[in-house]
Amino acid sequence: MAYKIAGLSPELTSPFEEATEEQLSALGAVRITATGKPGFPCRISLEDAEVGEEVILFHYTSHDVDSPYRSSYAIFARTGLSAAAQFIDAVPPVFDGRTLAMRAFDQDAMLKTASLAMPGDADRSIRQLFELDEVAYIDVHNAAHGCFAARVERFES
């Protein structure tokens, strides 16, 4: 069983690219300069921003579904990226060193099970969750801060 993890579409940040601070505020977003690495995980590139690099912090609906499990929270993303990162049968750098909450959902967007993956244990946890046939996808969140990290889907080449 293979899996795929893809970053969010770079088009997501297009409203923020040339926005003034006032315009960002009206959009519920903030421009921030990364002060440490890790600490500012980009949801498009699926890697942490470099110290001194600019990111946008904004509200994002990660589980935009018609079920009680609809979910949203603040995330970071870089602007100006041309493509989303994609990982096949591998975990992205943004998972490194973090405790991750993994929420496994069925085709009807209903939670089937969940688990915590300790740093370095994401791949094993993903594979273990996908052993359950009813699991269609896994939403991964940073356990401490609660923000969405990425979606994991089954992948057939």
N, C-alpha and C. Protein backbone atom coordinates (compact mmCIF):
# COMPACT_ATOMS: atom_id res chain seq x y z
N MET A 1 0.83 -1.18 0.00
CA MET A 1 0.00 0.00 0.00
C MET A 1 0.88 1.25 0.00
N ALA A 2 0.68 2.09 -0.98
CA ALA A 2 1.43 3.34 -1.08
C ALA A 2 0.52 4.50 -0.67
N TYR A 3 1.14 5.61 -0.33
CA TYR A 3 0.37 6.80 0.03
C TYR A 3 1.00 8.03 -0.60
N LYS A 4 0.20 9.10 -0.66
CA LYS A 4 0.64 10.37 -1.24
C LYS A 4 0.32 11.50 -0.27
N ILE A 5 1.28 12.41 -0.12
CA ILE A 5 1.08 13.62 0.68
C ILE A 5 1.41 14.80 -0.23
N ALA A 6 0.46 15.68 -0.42
CA ALA A 6 0.67 16.85 -1.28
C ALA A 6 0.46 18.13 -0.49
N GLY A 7 1.26 19.13 -0.82
CA GLY A 7 1.06 20.45 -0.24
C GLY A 7 -0.19 21.10 -0.81
N LEU A 8 -0.61 22.15 -0.18
CA LEU A 8 -1.77 22.89 -0.66
C LEU A 8 -1.42 23.65 -1.94
N SER A 9 -2.42 24.03 -2.69
CA SER A 9 -2.21 24.77 -3.95
C SER A 9 -1.60 26.14 -3.67
N PRO A 10 -0.59 26.52 -4.46
CA PRO A 10 0.00 27.86 -4.30
C PRO A 10 -1.01 28.98 -4.57
N GLU A 11 -2.07 28.68 -5.31
CA GLU A 11 -3.10 29.68 -5.59
C GLU A 11 -3.78 30.17 -4.30
N LEU A 12 -3.68 29.36 -3.27
CA LEU A 12 -4.28 29.71 -1.99
C LEU A 12 -3.74 31.03 -1.45
N THR A 13 -2.49 31.34 -1.74
CA THR A 13 -1.87 32.55 -1.19
C THR A 13 -1.92 33.74 -2.16
N SER A 14 -2.46 33.57 -3.35
CA SER A 14 -2.46 34.67 -4.32
C SER A 14 -3.13 35.94 -3.79
N PRO A 15 -4.21 35.87 -3.01
CA PRO A 15 -4.79 37.13 -2.50
C PRO A 15 -3.85 37.88 -1.54
N PHE A 16 -2.85 37.20 -1.00
CA PHE A 16 -1.98 37.80 -0.01
C PHE A 16 -0.70 38.38 -0.60
N GLU A 17 -0.34 37.97 -1.79
CA GLU A 17 1.00 38.28 -2.33
C GLU A 17 1.33 39.76 -2.36
N GLU A 18 0.46 40.59 -2.90
CA GLU A 18 0.73 42.03 -3.02
C GLU A 18 -0.08 42.85 -2.02
N ALA A 19 -0.70 42.19 -1.08
CA ALA A 19 -1.59 42.87 -0.14
C ALA A 19 -0.80 43.73 0.85
N THR A 20 -1.38 44.88 1.17
CA THR A 20 -0.82 45.73 2.22
C THR A 20 -1.19 45.11 3.57
N GLU A 21 -0.62 45.63 4.63
CA GLU A 21 -0.94 45.13 5.97
C GLU A 21 -2.43 45.31 6.26
N GLU A 22 -3.00 46.43 5.83
CA GLU A 22 -4.42 46.69 6.03
C GLU A 22 -5.28 45.69 5.26
N GLN A 23 -4.88 45.40 4.02
CA GLN A 23 -5.62 44.43 3.21
C GLN A 23 -5.51 43.04 3.82
N LEU A 24 -4.33 42.69 4.30
CA LEU A 24 -4.16 41.39 4.96
C LEU A 24 -5.08 41.29 6.17
N SER A 25 -5.11 42.35 6.95
CA SER A 25 -5.96 42.37 8.14
C SER A 25 -7.43 42.16 7.76
N ALA A 26 -7.87 42.79 6.69
CA ALA A 26 -9.25 42.63 6.23
C ALA A 26 -9.53 41.19 5.79
N LEU A 27 -8.48 40.49 5.34
CA LEU A 27 -8.59 39.09 4.93
C LEU A 27 -8.39 38.13 6.11
N GLY A 28 -8.12 38.68 7.29
CA GLY A 28 -7.87 37.84 8.46
C GLY A 28 -6.52 37.17 8.42
N ALA A 29 -5.55 37.84 7.80
CA ALA A 29 -4.21 37.28 7.64
C ALA A 29 -3.16 38.24 8.19
N VAL A 30 -1.97 37.69 8.44
CA VAL A 30 -0.85 38.47 8.97
C VAL A 30 0.42 38.02 8.27
N ARG A 31 1.26 38.99 7.90
CA ARG A 31 2.59 38.70 7.34
C ARG A 31 3.56 38.59 8.52
N ILE A 32 4.33 37.50 8.55
CA ILE A 32 5.25 37.24 9.67
C ILE A 32 6.61 36.87 9.12
N THR A 33 7.65 37.25 9.82
CA THR A 33 9.01 36.83 9.47
C THR A 33 9.41 35.69 10.39
N ALA A 34 9.85 34.60 9.80
CA ALA A 34 10.25 33.42 10.58
C ALA A 34 11.43 33.76 11.48
N THR A 35 11.31 33.44 12.74
CA THR A 35 12.35 33.74 13.72
C THR A 35 13.11 32.51 14.18
N GLY A 36 12.70 31.35 13.72
CA GLY A 36 13.38 30.11 14.09
C GLY A 36 13.04 29.01 13.11
N LYS A 37 13.88 28.01 13.08
CA LYS A 37 13.62 26.83 12.25
C LYS A 37 13.97 25.61 13.06
N PRO A 38 13.00 24.71 13.29
CA PRO A 38 11.62 24.73 12.81
C PRO A 38 10.77 25.75 13.55
N GLY A 39 9.56 25.93 13.05
CA GLY A 39 8.64 26.81 13.74
C GLY A 39 7.62 27.48 12.84
N PHE A 40 7.90 27.55 11.54
CA PHE A 40 7.00 28.21 10.61
C PHE A 40 6.79 27.30 9.40
N PRO A 41 6.00 26.23 9.58
CA PRO A 41 5.84 25.21 8.54
C PRO A 41 4.93 25.67 7.39
N CYS A 42 5.48 25.72 6.19
CA CYS A 42 4.72 26.10 5.00
C CYS A 42 3.88 24.92 4.54
N ARG A 43 2.57 25.16 4.35
CA ARG A 43 1.66 24.07 3.95
C ARG A 43 1.64 23.85 2.45
N ILE A 44 2.40 24.64 1.69
CA ILE A 44 2.52 24.42 0.24
C ILE A 44 3.77 23.62 -0.06
N SER A 45 4.90 24.05 0.47
CA SER A 45 6.18 23.35 0.23
C SER A 45 6.40 22.18 1.18
N LEU A 46 5.63 22.14 2.27
CA LEU A 46 5.75 21.10 3.30
C LEU A 46 7.15 21.03 3.90
N GLU A 47 7.72 22.22 4.08
CA GLU A 47 8.99 22.36 4.78
C GLU A 47 8.93 23.64 5.59
N ASP A 48 9.78 23.73 6.59
CA ASP A 48 9.79 24.93 7.43
C ASP A 48 10.46 26.08 6.71
N ALA A 49 9.93 27.28 6.91
CA ALA A 49 10.55 28.48 6.36
C ALA A 49 11.91 28.69 7.00
N GLU A 50 12.80 29.32 6.26
CA GLU A 50 14.12 29.67 6.77
C GLU A 50 14.00 30.88 7.69
N VAL A 51 14.91 31.01 8.63
CA VAL A 51 14.94 32.19 9.50
C VAL A 51 15.08 33.43 8.63
N GLY A 52 14.24 34.41 8.88
CA GLY A 52 14.24 35.65 8.10
C GLY A 52 13.30 35.63 6.91
N GLU A 53 12.78 34.46 6.56
CA GLU A 53 11.86 34.34 5.43
C GLU A 53 10.46 34.78 5.84
N GLU A 54 9.76 35.37 4.90
CA GLU A 54 8.40 35.85 5.16
C GLU A 54 7.37 34.76 4.86
N VAL A 55 6.40 34.64 5.75
CA VAL A 55 5.28 33.72 5.57
C VAL A 55 3.99 34.48 5.89
N ILE A 56 2.88 33.91 5.44
CA ILE A 56 1.57 34.47 5.76
C ILE A 56 0.88 33.51 6.71
N LEU A 57 0.31 34.05 7.77
CA LEU A 57 -0.49 33.28 8.73
C LEU A 57 -1.94 33.63 8.45
N PHE A 58 -2.75 32.60 8.16
CA PHE A 58 -4.15 32.85 7.83
C PHE A 58 -5.01 31.66 8.22
N HIS A 59 -6.31 31.91 8.27
CA HIS A 59 -7.28 30.89 8.63
C HIS A 59 -7.54 30.00 7.42
N TYR A 60 -7.58 28.69 7.64
CA TYR A 60 -7.76 27.74 6.55
C TYR A 60 -8.71 26.62 6.99
N THR A 61 -9.67 26.30 6.15
CA THR A 61 -10.56 25.18 6.42
C THR A 61 -9.95 23.94 5.79
N SER A 62 -9.36 23.11 6.63
CA SER A 62 -8.64 21.92 6.15
C SER A 62 -9.55 20.74 5.88
N HIS A 63 -10.64 20.67 6.60
CA HIS A 63 -11.57 19.55 6.42
C HIS A 63 -12.93 20.15 6.09
N ASP A 64 -13.04 20.58 4.83
CA ASP A 64 -14.23 21.29 4.36
C ASP A 64 -15.26 20.28 3.89
N VAL A 65 -15.96 19.69 4.84
CA VAL A 65 -16.87 18.58 4.57
C VAL A 65 -18.23 18.83 5.22
N ASP A 66 -19.20 18.07 4.74
CA ASP A 66 -20.54 18.13 5.32
C ASP A 66 -20.67 17.00 6.34
N SER A 67 -19.96 17.15 7.43
CA SER A 67 -20.03 16.19 8.54
C SER A 67 -19.69 16.94 9.82
N PRO A 68 -19.95 16.36 10.95
CA PRO A 68 -19.61 17.03 12.21
C PRO A 68 -18.10 17.26 12.37
N TYR A 69 -17.28 16.67 11.51
CA TYR A 69 -15.83 16.77 11.64
C TYR A 69 -15.21 17.90 10.81
N ARG A 70 -16.04 18.80 10.30
CA ARG A 70 -15.51 19.97 9.59
C ARG A 70 -14.49 20.64 10.52
N SER A 71 -13.36 21.07 9.95
CA SER A 71 -12.28 21.58 10.79
C SER A 71 -11.55 22.73 10.11
N SER A 72 -11.14 23.71 10.91
CA SER A 72 -10.35 24.83 10.40
C SER A 72 -9.49 25.41 11.52
N TYR A 73 -8.41 26.07 11.11
CA TYR A 73 -7.49 26.66 12.07
C TYR A 73 -6.48 27.52 11.30
N ALA A 74 -5.60 28.18 11.99
CA ALA A 74 -4.57 29.00 11.36
C ALA A 74 -3.44 28.12 10.81
N ILE A 75 -2.90 28.53 9.65
CA ILE A 75 -1.75 27.86 9.06
C ILE A 75 -0.77 28.91 8.52
N PHE A 76 0.46 28.49 8.29
CA PHE A 76 1.47 29.32 7.62
C PHE A 76 1.64 28.85 6.18
N ALA A 77 1.96 29.81 5.30
CA ALA A 77 2.33 29.45 3.92
C ALA A 77 3.21 30.55 3.35
N ARG A 78 4.12 30.12 2.49
CA ARG A 78 4.93 31.07 1.74
C ARG A 78 4.09 31.59 0.57
N THR A 79 4.43 32.76 0.07
CA THR A 79 3.82 33.26 -1.16
C THR A 79 4.82 33.09 -2.30
N GLY A 80 4.33 33.21 -3.53
CA GLY A 80 5.21 33.18 -4.69
C GLY A 80 5.67 31.80 -5.12
N LEU A 81 5.13 30.75 -4.55
CA LEU A 81 5.52 29.40 -4.97
C LEU A 81 4.74 29.01 -6.23
N SER A 82 5.37 28.23 -7.09
CA SER A 82 4.72 27.87 -8.36
C SER A 82 4.08 26.49 -8.34
N ALA A 83 4.46 25.66 -7.39
CA ALA A 83 3.90 24.30 -7.35
C ALA A 83 3.86 23.79 -5.91
N ALA A 84 2.91 22.91 -5.67
CA ALA A 84 2.81 22.27 -4.36
C ALA A 84 3.78 21.10 -4.30
N ALA A 85 4.36 20.90 -3.14
CA ALA A 85 5.23 19.74 -2.94
C ALA A 85 4.39 18.47 -3.01
N GLN A 86 5.03 17.39 -3.40
CA GLN A 86 4.35 16.10 -3.45
C GLN A 86 5.32 15.01 -3.02
N PHE A 87 4.84 14.15 -2.13
CA PHE A 87 5.65 13.06 -1.61
C PHE A 87 4.87 11.76 -1.82
N ILE A 88 5.50 10.80 -2.45
CA ILE A 88 4.90 9.48 -2.67
C ILE A 88 5.65 8.48 -1.78
N ASP A 89 4.91 7.83 -0.91
CA ASP A 89 5.48 6.84 0.00
C ASP A 89 6.64 7.38 0.83
N ALA A 90 6.56 8.64 1.17
CA ALA A 90 7.58 9.29 1.99
C ALA A 90 6.93 10.44 2.75
N VAL A 91 7.44 10.74 3.91
CA VAL A 91 6.90 11.85 4.69
C VAL A 91 7.68 13.13 4.38
N PRO A 92 7.01 14.27 4.39
CA PRO A 92 7.68 15.54 4.08
C PRO A 92 8.53 16.03 5.24
N PRO A 93 9.48 16.92 4.95
CA PRO A 93 10.34 17.46 6.01
C PRO A 93 9.57 18.12 7.15
N VAL A 94 8.39 18.69 6.85
CA VAL A 94 7.62 19.39 7.87
C VAL A 94 7.13 18.45 8.98
N PHE A 95 7.14 17.15 8.74
CA PHE A 95 6.76 16.18 9.78
C PHE A 95 7.91 15.89 10.74
N ASP A 96 9.15 16.16 10.32
CA ASP A 96 10.33 15.83 11.12
C ASP A 96 10.33 16.56 12.46
N GLY A 97 10.62 15.83 13.50
CA GLY A 97 10.78 16.42 14.82
C GLY A 97 9.50 16.86 15.51
N ARG A 98 8.36 16.52 14.94
CA ARG A 98 7.10 16.95 15.54
C ARG A 98 6.26 15.74 15.94
N THR A 99 5.53 15.91 17.04
CA THR A 99 4.51 14.94 17.41
C THR A 99 3.27 15.29 16.59
N LEU A 100 2.72 14.29 15.91
CA LEU A 100 1.62 14.51 14.97
C LEU A 100 0.36 13.79 15.40
N ALA A 101 -0.76 14.48 15.29
CA ALA A 101 -2.07 13.87 15.51
C ALA A 101 -2.59 13.44 14.15
N MET A 102 -2.95 12.17 14.03
CA MET A 102 -3.43 11.63 12.76
C MET A 102 -4.88 11.22 12.92
N ARG A 103 -5.72 11.84 12.10
CA ARG A 103 -7.17 11.59 12.14
C ARG A 103 -7.56 10.87 10.86
N ALA A 104 -8.03 9.65 11.00
CA ALA A 104 -8.36 8.80 9.85
C ALA A 104 -9.86 8.83 9.58
N PHE A 105 -10.22 9.19 8.34
CA PHE A 105 -11.62 9.37 7.95
C PHE A 105 -12.02 8.38 6.86
N ASP A 106 -13.33 8.07 6.83
CA ASP A 106 -13.86 7.23 5.75
C ASP A 106 -14.34 8.11 4.60
N GLN A 107 -14.92 7.50 3.57
CA GLN A 107 -15.39 8.22 2.39
C GLN A 107 -16.50 9.24 2.72
N ASP A 108 -17.19 9.06 3.83
CA ASP A 108 -18.26 9.96 4.22
C ASP A 108 -17.78 11.06 5.17
N ALA A 109 -16.46 11.22 5.28
CA ALA A 109 -15.85 12.24 6.14
C ALA A 109 -16.16 12.03 7.62
N MET A 110 -16.36 10.78 7.98
CA MET A 110 -16.59 10.44 9.39
C MET A 110 -15.30 9.84 9.96
N LEU A 111 -14.96 10.27 11.16
CA LEU A 111 -13.75 9.79 11.82
C LEU A 111 -13.89 8.32 12.15
N LYS A 112 -12.92 7.53 11.72
CA LYS A 112 -12.91 6.10 12.01
C LYS A 112 -12.00 5.79 13.20
N THR A 113 -10.86 6.45 13.25
CA THR A 113 -9.91 6.26 14.34
C THR A 113 -8.90 7.39 14.29
N ALA A 114 -8.05 7.46 15.29
CA ALA A 114 -7.01 8.48 15.34
C ALA A 114 -5.82 7.93 16.12
N SER A 115 -4.67 8.55 15.89
CA SER A 115 -3.48 8.13 16.64
C SER A 115 -2.50 9.29 16.73
N LEU A 116 -1.56 9.15 17.64
CA LEU A 116 -0.46 10.09 17.75
C LEU A 116 0.79 9.43 17.19
N ALA A 117 1.53 10.18 16.39
CA ALA A 117 2.82 9.70 15.88
C ALA A 117 3.90 10.54 16.53
N MET A 118 4.79 9.88 17.22
CA MET A 118 5.90 10.59 17.84
C MET A 118 6.91 10.96 16.76
N PRO A 119 7.82 11.91 17.03
CA PRO A 119 8.81 12.28 16.02
C PRO A 119 9.52 11.05 15.44
N GLY A 120 9.58 11.00 14.11
CA GLY A 120 10.23 9.89 13.41
C GLY A 120 9.32 8.70 13.17
N ASP A 121 8.08 8.76 13.62
CA ASP A 121 7.18 7.61 13.55
C ASP A 121 6.00 7.81 12.59
N ALA A 122 6.02 8.88 11.79
CA ALA A 122 4.88 9.20 10.93
C ALA A 122 4.62 8.13 9.88
N ASP A 123 5.64 7.67 9.20
CA ASP A 123 5.45 6.67 8.15
C ASP A 123 4.79 5.41 8.70
N ARG A 124 5.28 4.91 9.81
CA ARG A 124 4.70 3.70 10.40
C ARG A 124 3.25 3.93 10.79
N SER A 125 2.96 5.09 11.38
CA SER A 125 1.58 5.39 11.79
C SER A 125 0.64 5.48 10.60
N ILE A 126 1.08 6.11 9.53
CA ILE A 126 0.26 6.22 8.32
C ILE A 126 -0.07 4.83 7.78
N ARG A 127 0.96 4.01 7.65
CA ARG A 127 0.75 2.65 7.11
C ARG A 127 -0.17 1.83 8.01
N GLN A 128 -0.03 1.99 9.30
CA GLN A 128 -0.88 1.27 10.24
C GLN A 128 -2.35 1.71 10.11
N LEU A 129 -2.58 2.99 9.98
CA LEU A 129 -3.96 3.48 9.81
C LEU A 129 -4.57 2.99 8.50
N PHE A 130 -3.78 2.96 7.44
CA PHE A 130 -4.29 2.52 6.15
C PHE A 130 -4.49 1.00 6.08
N GLU A 131 -4.09 0.27 7.10
CA GLU A 131 -4.41 -1.16 7.15
C GLU A 131 -5.91 -1.36 7.33
N LEU A 132 -6.59 -0.35 7.84
CA LEU A 132 -8.05 -0.41 7.98
C LEU A 132 -8.68 -0.02 6.64
N ASP A 133 -9.39 -0.94 6.03
CA ASP A 133 -9.97 -0.72 4.70
C ASP A 133 -10.88 0.49 4.64
N GLU A 134 -11.59 0.78 5.71
CA GLU A 134 -12.55 1.89 5.68
C GLU A 134 -11.89 3.26 5.72
N VAL A 135 -10.58 3.33 5.99
CA VAL A 135 -9.90 4.62 6.03
C VAL A 135 -9.61 5.08 4.60
N ALA A 136 -10.21 6.21 4.22
CA ALA A 136 -10.02 6.77 2.88
C ALA A 136 -8.87 7.77 2.84
N TYR A 137 -8.69 8.53 3.93
CA TYR A 137 -7.63 9.53 3.99
C TYR A 137 -7.35 9.87 5.44
N ILE A 138 -6.21 10.50 5.65
CA ILE A 138 -5.76 10.87 7.00
C ILE A 138 -5.42 12.36 6.98
N ASP A 139 -6.00 13.10 7.89
CA ASP A 139 -5.60 14.49 8.08
C ASP A 139 -4.61 14.53 9.24
N VAL A 140 -3.45 15.11 8.96
CA VAL A 140 -2.37 15.19 9.94
C VAL A 140 -2.32 16.61 10.50
N HIS A 141 -2.25 16.70 11.81
CA HIS A 141 -2.16 17.98 12.50
C HIS A 141 -0.96 17.96 13.43
N ASN A 142 -0.37 19.12 13.66
CA ASN A 142 0.67 19.22 14.67
C ASN A 142 -0.03 19.08 16.02
N ALA A 143 0.39 18.11 16.80
CA ALA A 143 -0.32 17.77 18.03
C ALA A 143 -0.32 18.92 19.04
N ALA A 144 0.79 19.58 19.21
CA ALA A 144 0.87 20.62 20.24
C ALA A 144 0.04 21.85 19.89
N HIS A 145 0.20 22.37 18.69
CA HIS A 145 -0.49 23.60 18.30
C HIS A 145 -1.85 23.33 17.64
N GLY A 146 -2.07 22.14 17.16
CA GLY A 146 -3.36 21.78 16.59
C GLY A 146 -3.57 22.15 15.14
N CYS A 147 -2.60 22.80 14.51
CA CYS A 147 -2.79 23.25 13.13
C CYS A 147 -2.63 22.11 12.13
N PHE A 148 -3.36 22.23 11.04
CA PHE A 148 -3.33 21.26 9.95
C PHE A 148 -1.93 21.22 9.35
N ALA A 149 -1.41 20.02 9.14
CA ALA A 149 -0.09 19.86 8.51
C ALA A 149 -0.22 19.41 7.06
N ALA A 150 -1.00 18.38 6.80
CA ALA A 150 -1.17 17.86 5.44
C ALA A 150 -2.20 16.74 5.43
N ARG A 151 -2.70 16.44 4.24
CA ARG A 151 -3.59 15.30 4.05
C ARG A 151 -2.79 14.16 3.42
N VAL A 152 -3.08 12.94 3.87
CA VAL A 152 -2.46 11.73 3.33
C VAL A 152 -3.56 10.93 2.65
N GLU A 153 -3.31 10.55 1.40
CA GLU A 153 -4.28 9.76 0.65
C GLU A 153 -3.65 8.47 0.17
N ARG A 154 -4.48 7.46 -0.02
CA ARG A 154 -3.99 6.22 -0.63
C ARG A 154 -3.53 6.55 -2.04
N PHE A 155 -2.51 5.83 -2.51
CA PHE A 155 -1.94 6.10 -3.82
C PHE A 155 -1.69 4.79 -4.55
N GLU A 156 -2.15 4.74 -5.77
CA GLU A 156 -1.87 3.58 -6.62
C GLU A 156 -1.19 4.08 -7.88
N SER A 157 -0.02 3.56 -8.15
CA SER A 157 0.75 4.03 -9.32
C SER A 157 0.28 3.40 -10.61
